[in-house]
Amino acid sequence: MTDVSQISEFGKILIFIITGIIMVCVIFFINRLLAPNNPNAEKLSSYECGEEPTGNAWLPFNPRFYVIALVFLLFDVEMVFIFPWATVFGSHEIAAQDTRWGWLSLAEMFVFLGILIIGLIYVWRKGDLDWIKPTPVVPHTDVHIPSSLYEQLNQEQGRFTVKAFNVDTVITTAATAAATATPSTEPARKPMFKPTFKKPANE
């Protein structure tokens, strides 16, 4: 009686991968057959978190979204570390070895949570958790420049127009500048040092 060859563990993983790929392809194929396909301008427009995109895409981006997303990501990732701690803290085998491990892990978690709470209070006090700050902070400087001067400068910059590029004008300007340039009457300067070349010793 011959032994039946068994599939190795890597073979099982390969079967799972192939089965998963086939199932995904089958689901997409069934979706293609059954789902209605009626594209329109509204369906093909970009999706922005439930808000209809209006206007030009090149607009100033509110950094509040960025700050709140970073704060959420920070605390969300830090909370993930509690799960392995809870696994170790709830292990009866480790507690049976030495009872001090339980108190040590409990004290470490209180320190960890205390640091997170201090960070949360700091962010809260700075107002970074408010979606819209009720009282925007206007920066103040000691320079006494009237605001009308800034408005005048902004208006001048707003009226700036880019001149059209013309190759003939550039060539004519360069030729005129070369013709009107006065030749230099200063004598050519001699070099400050004279280079010397030495032959290698092995020659």
N, C-alpha and C. Protein backbone atom coordinates (compact mmCIF):
# COMPACT_ATOMS: atom_id res chain seq x y z
N MET A 1 0.86 -1.19 0.00
CA MET A 1 0.00 0.00 0.00
C MET A 1 0.88 1.23 0.00
N THR A 2 0.72 2.04 -0.98
CA THR A 2 1.55 3.24 -1.12
C THR A 2 0.94 4.39 -0.34
N ASP A 3 1.83 5.23 0.19
CA ASP A 3 1.38 6.42 0.91
C ASP A 3 0.86 7.46 -0.06
N VAL A 4 -0.22 8.14 0.33
CA VAL A 4 -0.79 9.19 -0.49
C VAL A 4 -0.04 10.48 -0.20
N SER A 5 0.45 11.14 -1.24
CA SER A 5 1.20 12.39 -1.05
C SER A 5 0.25 13.50 -0.61
N GLN A 6 0.64 14.16 0.43
CA GLN A 6 -0.18 15.24 0.97
C GLN A 6 0.29 16.57 0.39
N ILE A 7 -0.64 17.54 0.32
CA ILE A 7 -0.28 18.88 -0.15
C ILE A 7 0.45 19.61 0.97
N SER A 8 1.55 20.24 0.63
CA SER A 8 2.31 20.98 1.63
C SER A 8 1.55 22.24 2.04
N GLU A 9 2.06 22.89 3.07
CA GLU A 9 1.42 24.11 3.56
C GLU A 9 1.48 25.23 2.51
N PHE A 10 2.59 25.31 1.78
CA PHE A 10 2.69 26.31 0.71
C PHE A 10 1.71 26.02 -0.42
N GLY A 11 1.47 24.72 -0.66
CA GLY A 11 0.48 24.36 -1.66
C GLY A 11 -0.92 24.79 -1.27
N LYS A 12 -1.25 24.67 0.00
CA LYS A 12 -2.55 25.13 0.49
C LYS A 12 -2.70 26.64 0.33
N ILE A 13 -1.63 27.37 0.64
CA ILE A 13 -1.67 28.83 0.47
C ILE A 13 -1.85 29.19 -1.00
N LEU A 14 -1.18 28.44 -1.88
CA LEU A 14 -1.33 28.70 -3.32
C LEU A 14 -2.76 28.43 -3.78
N ILE A 15 -3.37 27.37 -3.26
CA ILE A 15 -4.76 27.06 -3.62
C ILE A 15 -5.69 28.17 -3.14
N PHE A 16 -5.47 28.68 -1.93
CA PHE A 16 -6.29 29.79 -1.42
C PHE A 16 -6.14 31.03 -2.29
N ILE A 17 -4.90 31.35 -2.71
CA ILE A 17 -4.67 32.54 -3.54
C ILE A 17 -5.37 32.39 -4.89
N ILE A 18 -5.22 31.21 -5.52
CA ILE A 18 -5.85 30.99 -6.81
C ILE A 18 -7.37 31.04 -6.69
N THR A 19 -7.91 30.42 -5.62
CA THR A 19 -9.36 30.44 -5.42
C THR A 19 -9.87 31.87 -5.21
N GLY A 20 -9.13 32.66 -4.44
CA GLY A 20 -9.53 34.05 -4.21
C GLY A 20 -9.54 34.87 -5.49
N ILE A 21 -8.50 34.69 -6.32
CA ILE A 21 -8.44 35.43 -7.59
C ILE A 21 -9.59 35.03 -8.50
N ILE A 22 -9.87 33.72 -8.57
CA ILE A 22 -10.97 33.25 -9.42
C ILE A 22 -12.31 33.78 -8.93
N MET A 23 -12.53 33.78 -7.61
CA MET A 23 -13.80 34.27 -7.07
C MET A 23 -13.99 35.76 -7.36
N VAL A 24 -12.93 36.54 -7.21
CA VAL A 24 -13.03 37.98 -7.50
C VAL A 24 -13.35 38.20 -8.97
N CYS A 25 -12.68 37.47 -9.85
CA CYS A 25 -12.95 37.62 -11.29
C CYS A 25 -14.38 37.21 -11.63
N VAL A 26 -14.87 36.13 -11.01
CA VAL A 26 -16.24 35.69 -11.26
C VAL A 26 -17.25 36.73 -10.79
N ILE A 27 -17.00 37.32 -9.63
CA ILE A 27 -17.91 38.34 -9.11
C ILE A 27 -17.94 39.56 -10.02
N PHE A 28 -16.76 39.99 -10.50
CA PHE A 28 -16.72 41.13 -11.42
C PHE A 28 -17.43 40.81 -12.73
N PHE A 29 -17.28 39.56 -13.19
CA PHE A 29 -17.94 39.17 -14.44
C PHE A 29 -19.46 39.15 -14.28
N ILE A 30 -19.95 38.62 -13.15
CA ILE A 30 -21.40 38.61 -12.90
C ILE A 30 -21.92 40.04 -12.75
N ASN A 31 -21.14 40.89 -12.08
CA ASN A 31 -21.54 42.29 -11.94
C ASN A 31 -21.62 42.97 -13.31
N ARG A 32 -20.71 42.63 -14.19
CA ARG A 32 -20.71 43.23 -15.53
C ARG A 32 -21.95 42.79 -16.33
N LEU A 33 -22.38 41.54 -16.10
CA LEU A 33 -23.54 41.03 -16.84
C LEU A 33 -24.86 41.58 -16.30
N LEU A 34 -24.98 41.67 -14.97
CA LEU A 34 -26.27 41.99 -14.36
C LEU A 34 -26.46 43.48 -14.07
N ALA A 35 -25.39 44.18 -13.74
CA ALA A 35 -25.54 45.58 -13.32
C ALA A 35 -25.85 46.46 -14.52
N PRO A 36 -26.79 47.41 -14.38
CA PRO A 36 -27.07 48.33 -15.50
C PRO A 36 -25.92 49.31 -15.70
N ASN A 37 -25.70 49.67 -16.93
CA ASN A 37 -24.62 50.59 -17.29
C ASN A 37 -25.24 51.81 -17.97
N ASN A 38 -25.54 52.83 -17.18
CA ASN A 38 -26.12 54.07 -17.68
C ASN A 38 -25.29 55.26 -17.20
N PRO A 39 -24.12 55.47 -17.79
CA PRO A 39 -23.29 56.59 -17.33
C PRO A 39 -23.87 57.93 -17.75
N ASN A 40 -23.75 58.91 -16.88
CA ASN A 40 -24.15 60.28 -17.21
C ASN A 40 -23.13 61.23 -16.60
N ALA A 41 -23.36 62.51 -16.81
CA ALA A 41 -22.38 63.50 -16.34
C ALA A 41 -22.27 63.50 -14.83
N GLU A 42 -23.39 63.28 -14.13
CA GLU A 42 -23.36 63.29 -12.67
C GLU A 42 -22.63 62.07 -12.11
N LYS A 43 -22.84 60.91 -12.73
CA LYS A 43 -22.16 59.70 -12.25
C LYS A 43 -20.66 59.74 -12.54
N LEU A 44 -20.28 60.36 -13.64
CA LEU A 44 -18.88 60.40 -14.02
C LEU A 44 -18.11 61.53 -13.35
N SER A 45 -18.79 62.39 -12.59
CA SER A 45 -18.10 63.48 -11.90
C SER A 45 -17.32 62.93 -10.70
N SER A 46 -16.33 63.69 -10.28
CA SER A 46 -15.51 63.26 -9.15
C SER A 46 -16.31 63.32 -7.86
N TYR A 47 -16.05 62.37 -6.97
CA TYR A 47 -16.80 62.26 -5.71
C TYR A 47 -15.97 62.87 -4.60
N GLU A 48 -16.53 63.83 -3.91
CA GLU A 48 -15.81 64.52 -2.85
C GLU A 48 -16.59 64.41 -1.54
N CYS A 49 -16.61 63.24 -0.97
CA CYS A 49 -17.20 63.02 0.36
C CYS A 49 -18.66 63.49 0.42
N GLY A 50 -19.42 63.21 -0.60
CA GLY A 50 -20.82 63.57 -0.61
C GLY A 50 -21.11 64.98 -1.07
N GLU A 51 -20.09 65.78 -1.30
CA GLU A 51 -20.29 67.16 -1.75
C GLU A 51 -20.05 67.24 -3.26
N GLU A 52 -20.90 67.99 -3.92
CA GLU A 52 -20.74 68.15 -5.36
C GLU A 52 -19.54 69.07 -5.65
N PRO A 53 -18.63 68.64 -6.50
CA PRO A 53 -17.49 69.51 -6.85
C PRO A 53 -17.95 70.67 -7.71
N THR A 54 -17.67 71.86 -7.25
CA THR A 54 -18.05 73.06 -8.00
C THR A 54 -16.82 73.95 -8.16
N GLY A 55 -16.77 74.64 -9.28
CA GLY A 55 -15.69 75.60 -9.51
C GLY A 55 -14.40 74.91 -9.94
N ASN A 56 -13.34 75.69 -9.89
CA ASN A 56 -12.03 75.23 -10.30
C ASN A 56 -11.39 74.40 -9.20
N ALA A 57 -10.58 73.41 -9.59
CA ALA A 57 -9.90 72.55 -8.62
C ALA A 57 -8.74 73.27 -7.96
N TRP A 58 -8.19 74.30 -8.59
CA TRP A 58 -7.04 75.02 -8.04
C TRP A 58 -7.53 76.10 -7.08
N LEU A 59 -7.93 75.66 -5.91
CA LEU A 59 -8.42 76.57 -4.87
C LEU A 59 -7.61 76.36 -3.61
N PRO A 60 -7.53 77.37 -2.76
CA PRO A 60 -6.82 77.19 -1.48
C PRO A 60 -7.49 76.09 -0.66
N PHE A 61 -6.69 75.17 -0.16
CA PHE A 61 -7.21 74.05 0.62
C PHE A 61 -7.18 74.41 2.09
N ASN A 62 -8.29 74.12 2.76
CA ASN A 62 -8.38 74.43 4.18
C ASN A 62 -7.52 73.44 4.97
N PRO A 63 -6.51 73.89 5.68
CA PRO A 63 -5.65 72.94 6.41
C PRO A 63 -6.34 72.30 7.60
N ARG A 64 -7.57 72.72 7.94
CA ARG A 64 -8.28 72.10 9.05
C ARG A 64 -8.51 70.62 8.79
N PHE A 65 -8.81 70.26 7.54
CA PHE A 65 -9.01 68.86 7.20
C PHE A 65 -7.73 68.07 7.50
N TYR A 66 -6.60 68.65 7.13
CA TYR A 66 -5.32 67.95 7.30
C TYR A 66 -4.99 67.76 8.77
N VAL A 67 -5.17 68.81 9.58
CA VAL A 67 -4.83 68.72 11.01
C VAL A 67 -5.73 67.72 11.72
N ILE A 68 -7.03 67.78 11.45
CA ILE A 68 -7.96 66.86 12.12
C ILE A 68 -7.69 65.43 11.69
N ALA A 69 -7.36 65.22 10.41
CA ALA A 69 -7.04 63.86 9.96
C ALA A 69 -5.78 63.33 10.63
N LEU A 70 -4.78 64.19 10.81
CA LEU A 70 -3.55 63.76 11.48
C LEU A 70 -3.80 63.43 12.95
N VAL A 71 -4.60 64.26 13.63
CA VAL A 71 -4.90 63.99 15.04
C VAL A 71 -5.67 62.68 15.18
N PHE A 72 -6.66 62.47 14.32
CA PHE A 72 -7.42 61.22 14.38
C PHE A 72 -6.52 60.02 14.12
N LEU A 73 -5.64 60.13 13.10
CA LEU A 73 -4.76 59.02 12.77
C LEU A 73 -3.79 58.73 13.91
N LEU A 74 -3.30 59.79 14.55
CA LEU A 74 -2.37 59.61 15.67
C LEU A 74 -3.02 58.82 16.80
N PHE A 75 -4.19 59.26 17.26
CA PHE A 75 -4.83 58.59 18.38
C PHE A 75 -5.39 57.23 17.97
N ASP A 76 -5.78 57.08 16.73
CA ASP A 76 -6.29 55.80 16.27
C ASP A 76 -5.18 54.75 16.26
N VAL A 77 -4.00 55.14 15.79
CA VAL A 77 -2.88 54.20 15.75
C VAL A 77 -2.41 53.88 17.16
N GLU A 78 -2.40 54.87 18.04
CA GLU A 78 -1.97 54.62 19.41
C GLU A 78 -2.91 53.68 20.14
N MET A 79 -4.19 53.73 19.82
CA MET A 79 -5.15 52.84 20.48
C MET A 79 -4.93 51.38 20.07
N VAL A 80 -4.31 51.16 18.91
CA VAL A 80 -4.06 49.79 18.47
C VAL A 80 -3.11 49.08 19.42
N PHE A 81 -2.20 49.83 20.07
CA PHE A 81 -1.24 49.21 20.98
C PHE A 81 -1.90 48.67 22.25
N ILE A 82 -3.13 49.02 22.50
CA ILE A 82 -3.80 48.53 23.71
C ILE A 82 -4.17 47.06 23.55
N PHE A 83 -4.43 46.61 22.33
CA PHE A 83 -4.86 45.22 22.13
C PHE A 83 -3.78 44.21 22.51
N PRO A 84 -2.54 44.35 22.04
CA PRO A 84 -1.53 43.38 22.52
C PRO A 84 -1.28 43.50 24.01
N TRP A 85 -1.38 44.72 24.56
CA TRP A 85 -1.21 44.87 26.01
C TRP A 85 -2.30 44.12 26.76
N ALA A 86 -3.55 44.21 26.28
CA ALA A 86 -4.65 43.52 26.94
C ALA A 86 -4.46 42.01 26.86
N THR A 87 -3.89 41.53 25.76
CA THR A 87 -3.64 40.10 25.63
C THR A 87 -2.62 39.62 26.66
N VAL A 88 -1.55 40.42 26.82
CA VAL A 88 -0.52 40.04 27.79
C VAL A 88 -1.03 40.22 29.22
N PHE A 89 -1.76 41.30 29.45
CA PHE A 89 -2.26 41.57 30.79
C PHE A 89 -3.27 40.52 31.24
N GLY A 90 -4.06 39.99 30.30
CA GLY A 90 -5.05 38.98 30.67
C GLY A 90 -4.53 37.56 30.66
N SER A 91 -3.23 37.38 30.40
CA SER A 91 -2.67 36.04 30.37
C SER A 91 -2.48 35.52 31.79
N HIS A 92 -3.12 34.42 32.12
CA HIS A 92 -2.98 33.82 33.46
C HIS A 92 -1.64 33.13 33.64
N GLU A 93 -1.04 32.66 32.52
CA GLU A 93 0.26 32.00 32.64
C GLU A 93 1.34 32.97 33.09
N ILE A 94 1.33 34.18 32.52
CA ILE A 94 2.34 35.18 32.91
C ILE A 94 2.10 35.64 34.34
N ALA A 95 0.83 35.83 34.70
CA ALA A 95 0.53 36.26 36.08
C ALA A 95 0.89 35.18 37.08
N ALA A 96 0.82 33.90 36.70
CA ALA A 96 1.17 32.82 37.62
C ALA A 96 2.67 32.74 37.86
N GLN A 97 3.46 33.19 36.89
CA GLN A 97 4.91 33.17 37.06
C GLN A 97 5.35 34.18 38.12
N ASP A 98 4.84 35.39 38.01
CA ASP A 98 5.21 36.44 38.97
C ASP A 98 4.09 37.46 39.00
N THR A 99 3.57 37.74 40.17
CA THR A 99 2.44 38.68 40.29
C THR A 99 2.85 40.11 39.99
N ARG A 100 4.14 40.39 40.02
CA ARG A 100 4.58 41.77 39.77
C ARG A 100 4.41 42.16 38.31
N TRP A 101 4.34 41.17 37.39
CA TRP A 101 4.16 41.49 35.98
C TRP A 101 2.83 42.19 35.75
N GLY A 102 1.79 41.77 36.46
CA GLY A 102 0.48 42.41 36.30
C GLY A 102 0.50 43.86 36.72
N TRP A 103 1.11 44.14 37.87
CA TRP A 103 1.18 45.53 38.34
C TRP A 103 2.07 46.38 37.43
N LEU A 104 3.16 45.78 36.91
CA LEU A 104 4.05 46.52 36.03
C LEU A 104 3.34 46.88 34.72
N SER A 105 2.64 45.91 34.13
CA SER A 105 1.93 46.20 32.88
C SER A 105 0.80 47.19 33.10
N LEU A 106 0.13 47.12 34.28
CA LEU A 106 -0.93 48.09 34.57
C LEU A 106 -0.37 49.50 34.72
N ALA A 107 0.78 49.63 35.39
CA ALA A 107 1.40 50.95 35.56
C ALA A 107 1.87 51.49 34.21
N GLU A 108 2.42 50.62 33.35
CA GLU A 108 2.85 51.08 32.02
C GLU A 108 1.67 51.58 31.21
N MET A 109 0.53 50.91 31.31
CA MET A 109 -0.63 51.35 30.54
C MET A 109 -1.17 52.68 31.06
N PHE A 110 -1.11 52.89 32.38
CA PHE A 110 -1.53 54.19 32.93
C PHE A 110 -0.62 55.31 32.44
N VAL A 111 0.68 55.03 32.36
CA VAL A 111 1.62 56.04 31.85
C VAL A 111 1.34 56.32 30.38
N PHE A 112 1.10 55.26 29.61
CA PHE A 112 0.81 55.40 28.18
C PHE A 112 -0.46 56.22 27.96
N LEU A 113 -1.53 55.86 28.67
CA LEU A 113 -2.78 56.60 28.53
C LEU A 113 -2.65 58.03 29.04
N GLY A 114 -1.83 58.23 30.08
CA GLY A 114 -1.62 59.59 30.58
C GLY A 114 -0.96 60.49 29.56
N ILE A 115 0.02 59.94 28.83
CA ILE A 115 0.67 60.73 27.77
C ILE A 115 -0.33 61.06 26.67
N LEU A 116 -1.18 60.09 26.30
CA LEU A 116 -2.18 60.35 25.27
C LEU A 116 -3.19 61.40 25.73
N ILE A 117 -3.59 61.34 26.99
CA ILE A 117 -4.57 62.31 27.50
C ILE A 117 -3.96 63.70 27.53
N ILE A 118 -2.68 63.81 27.92
CA ILE A 118 -2.01 65.11 27.92
C ILE A 118 -1.94 65.67 26.49
N GLY A 119 -1.62 64.81 25.52
CA GLY A 119 -1.60 65.26 24.13
C GLY A 119 -2.97 65.68 23.65
N LEU A 120 -4.02 64.95 24.06
CA LEU A 120 -5.38 65.32 23.68
C LEU A 120 -5.78 66.66 24.28
N ILE A 121 -5.41 66.89 25.54
CA ILE A 121 -5.73 68.18 26.18
C ILE A 121 -4.98 69.31 25.49
N TYR A 122 -3.73 69.06 25.11
CA TYR A 122 -2.95 70.10 24.42
C TYR A 122 -3.58 70.47 23.08
N VAL A 123 -3.99 69.44 22.32
CA VAL A 123 -4.63 69.71 21.03
C VAL A 123 -5.97 70.42 21.23
N TRP A 124 -6.69 70.02 22.27
CA TRP A 124 -7.99 70.62 22.55
C TRP A 124 -7.85 72.09 22.93
N ARG A 125 -6.85 72.40 23.77
CA ARG A 125 -6.65 73.77 24.22
C ARG A 125 -6.20 74.68 23.08
N LYS A 126 -5.45 74.12 22.13
CA LYS A 126 -5.03 74.92 20.98
C LYS A 126 -6.15 75.14 19.98
N GLY A 127 -7.28 74.43 20.15
CA GLY A 127 -8.42 74.61 19.26
C GLY A 127 -8.32 73.85 17.97
N ASP A 128 -7.42 72.85 17.90
CA ASP A 128 -7.27 72.10 16.66
C ASP A 128 -8.36 71.05 16.45
N LEU A 129 -9.19 70.81 17.48
CA LEU A 129 -10.30 69.88 17.32
C LEU A 129 -11.56 70.57 16.83
N ASP A 130 -11.57 71.89 16.81
CA ASP A 130 -12.72 72.63 16.30
C ASP A 130 -12.68 72.62 14.78
N TRP A 131 -13.81 72.27 14.18
CA TRP A 131 -13.85 72.24 12.72
C TRP A 131 -13.68 73.64 12.14
N ILE A 132 -14.33 74.61 12.74
CA ILE A 132 -14.16 76.01 12.37
C ILE A 132 -13.87 76.79 13.64
N LYS A 133 -12.73 77.46 13.67
CA LYS A 133 -12.38 78.21 14.87
C LYS A 133 -13.31 79.42 15.01
N PRO A 134 -13.95 79.60 16.19
CA PRO A 134 -14.88 80.72 16.34
C PRO A 134 -14.18 82.07 16.33
N THR A 135 -12.98 82.12 16.86
CA THR A 135 -12.24 83.39 16.93
C THR A 135 -10.90 83.20 16.22
N PRO A 136 -10.81 83.55 14.95
CA PRO A 136 -9.53 83.39 14.26
C PRO A 136 -8.48 84.32 14.84
N VAL A 137 -7.28 83.83 14.94
CA VAL A 137 -6.16 84.60 15.48
C VAL A 137 -5.53 85.39 14.35
N VAL A 138 -5.57 86.71 14.46
CA VAL A 138 -4.98 87.58 13.46
C VAL A 138 -3.57 87.94 13.91
N PRO A 139 -2.54 87.66 13.11
CA PRO A 139 -1.17 87.97 13.54
C PRO A 139 -0.94 89.48 13.58
N HIS A 140 -0.22 89.92 14.57
CA HIS A 140 0.11 91.34 14.73
C HIS A 140 1.63 91.51 14.69
N THR A 141 2.06 92.61 14.07
CA THR A 141 3.48 92.93 14.00
C THR A 141 3.70 94.34 14.51
N ASP A 142 4.95 94.64 14.78
CA ASP A 142 5.31 95.97 15.27
C ASP A 142 5.56 96.97 14.14
N VAL A 143 5.47 96.54 12.89
CA VAL A 143 5.71 97.42 11.75
C VAL A 143 4.46 98.26 11.51
N HIS A 144 4.63 99.56 11.45
CA HIS A 144 3.50 100.48 11.26
C HIS A 144 3.39 100.84 9.78
N ILE A 145 2.79 99.96 9.01
CA ILE A 145 2.56 100.20 7.59
C ILE A 145 1.06 100.28 7.39
N PRO A 146 0.58 101.33 6.76
CA PRO A 146 -0.87 101.44 6.57
C PRO A 146 -1.40 100.34 5.66
N SER A 147 -2.65 99.92 5.94
CA SER A 147 -3.25 98.86 5.14
C SER A 147 -3.53 99.32 3.71
N SER A 148 -3.68 100.64 3.50
CA SER A 148 -3.93 101.12 2.13
C SER A 148 -2.74 100.84 1.22
N LEU A 149 -1.53 100.84 1.79
CA LEU A 149 -0.35 100.54 0.99
C LEU A 149 -0.37 99.07 0.52
N TYR A 150 -0.81 98.18 1.40
CA TYR A 150 -0.93 96.78 1.00
C TYR A 150 -2.00 96.61 -0.08
N GLU A 151 -3.11 97.32 0.06
CA GLU A 151 -4.17 97.23 -0.95
C GLU A 151 -3.69 97.76 -2.29
N GLN A 152 -2.92 98.87 -2.26
CA GLN A 152 -2.39 99.42 -3.50
C GLN A 152 -1.42 98.44 -4.17
N LEU A 153 -0.59 97.79 -3.37
CA LEU A 153 0.36 96.81 -3.90
C LEU A 153 -0.37 95.62 -4.50
N ASN A 154 -1.43 95.16 -3.83
CA ASN A 154 -2.20 94.03 -4.36
C ASN A 154 -2.89 94.40 -5.67
N GLN A 155 -3.38 95.62 -5.77
CA GLN A 155 -4.02 96.05 -7.01
C GLN A 155 -3.02 96.14 -8.15
N GLU A 156 -1.81 96.63 -7.86
CA GLU A 156 -0.78 96.71 -8.90
C GLU A 156 -0.37 95.31 -9.36
N GLN A 157 -0.26 94.37 -8.42
CA GLN A 157 0.09 93.00 -8.80
C GLN A 157 -1.04 92.34 -9.59
N GLY A 158 -2.29 92.72 -9.27
CA GLY A 158 -3.42 92.13 -9.98
C GLY A 158 -3.52 92.63 -11.41
N ARG A 159 -3.01 93.82 -11.68
CA ARG A 159 -3.06 94.36 -13.04
C ARG A 159 -1.87 93.93 -13.90
N PHE A 160 -0.99 93.11 -13.36
CA PHE A 160 0.20 92.68 -14.09
C PHE A 160 -0.21 91.74 -15.22
N THR A 161 0.29 92.02 -16.41
CA THR A 161 0.01 91.19 -17.57
C THR A 161 1.33 90.70 -18.16
N VAL A 162 1.31 89.50 -18.63
CA VAL A 162 2.49 88.89 -19.23
C VAL A 162 2.55 89.29 -20.70
N LYS A 163 3.70 89.81 -21.11
CA LYS A 163 3.86 90.23 -22.50
C LYS A 163 4.02 89.01 -23.40
N ALA A 164 3.51 89.12 -24.60
CA ALA A 164 3.62 88.03 -25.56
C ALA A 164 5.06 87.89 -26.03
N PHE A 165 5.53 86.68 -26.15
CA PHE A 165 6.91 86.41 -26.57
C PHE A 165 7.01 86.50 -28.09
N ASN A 166 8.02 87.25 -28.56
CA ASN A 166 8.25 87.40 -29.99
C ASN A 166 9.74 87.21 -30.25
N VAL A 167 10.07 86.26 -31.10
CA VAL A 167 11.47 85.95 -31.37
C VAL A 167 12.16 87.11 -32.07
N ASP A 168 11.49 87.78 -33.01
CA ASP A 168 12.10 88.88 -33.76
C ASP A 168 12.47 90.02 -32.83
N THR A 169 11.60 90.30 -31.86
CA THR A 169 11.89 91.38 -30.91
C THR A 169 13.11 91.06 -30.06
N VAL A 170 13.24 89.80 -29.64
CA VAL A 170 14.39 89.41 -28.83
C VAL A 170 15.68 89.51 -29.63
N ILE A 171 15.66 89.06 -30.88
CA ILE A 171 16.88 89.12 -31.71
C ILE A 171 17.26 90.57 -32.00
N THR A 172 16.26 91.42 -32.28
CA THR A 172 16.54 92.83 -32.56
C THR A 172 17.10 93.52 -31.33
N THR A 173 16.56 93.22 -30.16
CA THR A 173 17.05 93.83 -28.92
C THR A 173 18.48 93.40 -28.63
N ALA A 174 18.78 92.10 -28.85
CA ALA A 174 20.14 91.61 -28.61
C ALA A 174 21.13 92.23 -29.59
N ALA A 175 20.73 92.38 -30.85
CA ALA A 175 21.62 92.98 -31.84
C ALA A 175 21.86 94.45 -31.53
N THR A 176 20.83 95.18 -31.10
CA THR A 176 20.99 96.59 -30.74
C THR A 176 21.90 96.75 -29.55
N ALA A 177 21.75 95.87 -28.57
CA ALA A 177 22.61 95.96 -27.38
C ALA A 177 24.05 95.66 -27.73
N ALA A 178 24.29 94.70 -28.64
CA ALA A 178 25.67 94.38 -29.04
C ALA A 178 26.28 95.51 -29.85
N ALA A 179 25.47 96.22 -30.66
CA ALA A 179 26.02 97.30 -31.49
C ALA A 179 26.34 98.53 -30.66
N THR A 180 25.52 98.79 -29.65
CA THR A 180 25.74 100.00 -28.84
C THR A 180 26.73 99.79 -27.73
N ALA A 181 27.15 98.54 -27.51
CA ALA A 181 28.10 98.29 -26.43
C ALA A 181 29.47 98.85 -26.80
N THR A 182 30.08 99.56 -25.86
CA THR A 182 31.40 100.14 -26.08
C THR A 182 32.47 99.09 -25.83
N PRO A 183 33.48 99.02 -26.73
CA PRO A 183 34.54 98.03 -26.50
C PRO A 183 35.35 98.39 -25.26
N SER A 184 35.77 97.36 -24.59
CA SER A 184 36.53 97.56 -23.36
C SER A 184 37.94 98.01 -23.70
N THR A 185 38.40 99.09 -23.05
CA THR A 185 39.74 99.62 -23.30
C THR A 185 40.76 99.13 -22.27
N GLU A 186 40.34 98.34 -21.31
CA GLU A 186 41.28 97.86 -20.31
C GLU A 186 42.13 96.74 -20.89
N PRO A 187 43.45 96.74 -20.59
CA PRO A 187 44.30 95.65 -21.10
C PRO A 187 43.95 94.34 -20.41
N ALA A 188 44.25 93.28 -21.13
CA ALA A 188 43.98 91.96 -20.57
C ALA A 188 44.89 91.71 -19.38
N ARG A 189 44.34 91.17 -18.33
CA ARG A 189 45.11 90.91 -17.12
C ARG A 189 45.91 89.62 -17.28
N LYS A 190 47.13 89.65 -16.74
CA LYS A 190 47.97 88.46 -16.78
C LYS A 190 47.55 87.52 -15.66
N PRO A 191 47.77 86.24 -15.86
CA PRO A 191 47.40 85.29 -14.79
C PRO A 191 48.25 85.53 -13.55
N MET A 192 47.63 85.29 -12.40
CA MET A 192 48.30 85.54 -11.13
C MET A 192 49.33 84.46 -10.81
N PHE A 193 49.21 83.29 -11.42
CA PHE A 193 50.18 82.22 -11.15
C PHE A 193 50.46 81.50 -12.45
N LYS A 194 51.59 80.83 -12.48
CA LYS A 194 51.97 80.08 -13.66
C LYS A 194 51.98 78.60 -13.30
N PRO A 195 51.14 77.81 -13.98
CA PRO A 195 51.08 76.38 -13.62
C PRO A 195 52.34 75.66 -14.07
N THR A 196 52.78 74.75 -13.25
CA THR A 196 53.94 73.93 -13.58
C THR A 196 53.50 72.47 -13.59
N PHE A 197 54.04 71.73 -14.53
CA PHE A 197 53.68 70.32 -14.67
C PHE A 197 54.92 69.49 -14.37
N LYS A 198 54.79 68.53 -13.49
CA LYS A 198 55.91 67.66 -13.14
C LYS A 198 55.67 66.28 -13.74
N LYS A 199 56.75 65.69 -14.22
CA LYS A 199 56.65 64.35 -14.75
C LYS A 199 56.62 63.34 -13.59
N PRO A 200 55.91 62.25 -13.78
CA PRO A 200 55.91 61.23 -12.72
C PRO A 200 57.30 60.69 -12.50
N ALA A 201 57.59 60.24 -11.29
CA ALA A 201 58.95 59.78 -10.94
C ALA A 201 59.28 58.45 -11.60
N ASN A 202 58.30 57.66 -11.95
CA ASN A 202 58.60 56.34 -12.52
C ASN A 202 58.91 56.40 -14.01
N GLU A 203 58.84 57.53 -14.65
CA GLU A 203 59.15 57.63 -16.08
C GLU A 203 60.62 57.99 -16.29
